[in-house]
């Protein structure tokens, strides 16, 4: 969601409401993503605005692509279009 929000980012309250996540749970996850360097936080008045750190995300994806499965092919090539696999519904524990 933050990647799609772009450089404007999103307030924590909007993120929580959109995802249907309690504020305390969202705060926990946002804090960990911030410490990991994948998102950034700024204050605007009384709101905390979160934005994706695109450079950090690109570096992480690049690292994972270069080091996945020890350099061996570990997954079939991704397919785009109508015949692409549809996302599976999440099952909560």
Protein backbone atom coordinates (compact mmCIF):
# COMPACT_ATOMS: atom_id res chain seq x y z
CA UNK A 1 0.00 0.00 0.00
CA UNK A 2 2.84 2.40 0.81
CA UNK A 3 4.56 1.60 -2.47
CA UNK A 4 1.38 2.53 -4.32
CA UNK A 5 0.92 5.69 -2.23
CA UNK A 6 4.09 7.18 -3.73
CA UNK A 7 6.14 9.98 -2.25
CA UNK A 8 3.12 11.51 -0.51
CA UNK A 9 2.88 8.47 1.76
CA UNK A 10 -0.03 7.74 4.05
CA UNK A 11 -0.98 8.63 7.62
CA UNK A 12 -0.89 5.73 10.07
CA UNK A 13 -4.61 6.08 10.79
CA UNK A 14 -5.52 5.73 7.12
CA UNK A 15 -3.30 2.66 6.79
CA UNK A 16 -4.91 1.07 9.86
CA UNK A 17 -8.42 1.82 8.64
CA UNK A 18 -7.81 0.59 5.11
CA UNK A 19 -6.21 -2.65 6.26
CA UNK A 20 -8.61 -3.15 9.16
CA UNK A 21 -5.69 -3.56 11.55
CA UNK A 22 -5.76 -2.30 15.17
CA UNK A 23 -3.54 0.75 15.72
CA UNK A 24 -1.32 -1.11 18.19
CA UNK A 25 -0.66 -3.95 15.73
CA UNK A 26 0.01 -1.55 12.89
CA UNK A 27 2.36 0.49 15.06
CA UNK A 28 4.36 -2.66 15.83
CA UNK A 29 4.75 -3.53 12.14
CA UNK A 30 5.50 0.01 11.00
CA UNK A 31 8.18 0.35 13.68
CA UNK A 32 9.90 -2.82 12.47
CA UNK A 33 9.73 -1.77 8.83
CA UNK A 34 11.17 1.62 9.80
CA UNK A 35 14.03 0.02 11.76
CA UNK A 36 14.70 -2.28 8.81
CA UNK A 37 15.02 0.81 6.61
CA UNK A 38 12.24 -0.22 4.22
CA UNK A 39 9.93 2.69 5.09
CA UNK A 40 10.39 6.21 6.40
CA UNK A 41 8.33 8.19 8.86
CA UNK A 42 7.77 11.93 9.08
CA UNK A 43 5.54 14.07 11.24
CA UNK A 44 3.02 16.45 9.75
CA UNK A 45 1.26 18.24 12.58
CA UNK A 46 -0.18 15.53 14.78
CA UNK A 47 -0.01 12.83 12.10
CA UNK A 48 2.76 10.36 11.36
CA UNK A 49 3.13 9.91 7.61
CA UNK A 50 4.78 6.75 6.31
CA UNK A 51 6.42 6.38 2.90
CA UNK A 52 8.15 3.51 1.16
CA UNK A 53 11.93 3.80 0.82
CA UNK A 54 12.18 2.77 -2.82
CA UNK A 55 15.99 2.66 -2.89
CA UNK A 56 16.10 0.30 0.08
CA UNK A 57 13.35 -1.89 -1.37
CA UNK A 58 15.09 -2.06 -4.74
CA UNK A 59 18.36 -3.00 -3.04
CA UNK A 60 16.61 -5.75 -1.07
CA UNK A 61 14.88 -7.17 -4.14
CA UNK A 62 18.16 -7.02 -6.07
CA UNK A 63 19.97 -8.86 -3.29
CA UNK A 64 17.26 -11.53 -3.11
CA UNK A 65 17.29 -12.01 -6.89
CA UNK A 66 21.08 -12.33 -6.99
CA UNK A 67 21.29 -14.71 -4.04
CA UNK A 68 18.11 -16.74 -4.37
CA UNK A 69 18.67 -20.50 -4.14
CA UNK A 70 22.45 -20.16 -4.28
CA UNK A 71 22.31 -18.95 -7.87
CA UNK A 72 20.40 -22.00 -9.12
CA UNK A 73 17.04 -21.65 -10.80
CA UNK A 74 14.53 -22.09 -8.00
CA UNK A 75 11.22 -21.08 -9.54
CA UNK A 76 9.63 -21.17 -12.97
CA UNK A 77 9.56 -17.91 -14.90
CA UNK A 78 6.72 -15.61 -13.90
CA UNK A 79 3.83 -15.33 -16.34
CA UNK A 80 1.85 -12.16 -16.91
CA UNK A 81 -1.57 -11.81 -18.41
CA UNK A 82 -4.83 -13.67 -18.17
CA UNK A 83 -3.25 -17.08 -17.57
CA UNK A 84 -1.11 -15.82 -14.66
CA UNK A 85 -1.73 -17.39 -11.27
CA UNK A 86 -4.31 -15.54 -9.22
CA UNK A 87 -3.44 -14.51 -5.65
CA UNK A 88 -4.57 -17.00 -3.05
CA UNK A 89 -6.92 -15.95 -0.23
CA UNK A 90 -5.06 -15.51 3.04
CA UNK A 91 -5.94 -17.88 5.83
CA UNK A 92 -5.55 -16.58 9.36
CA UNK A 93 -4.24 -18.84 12.05
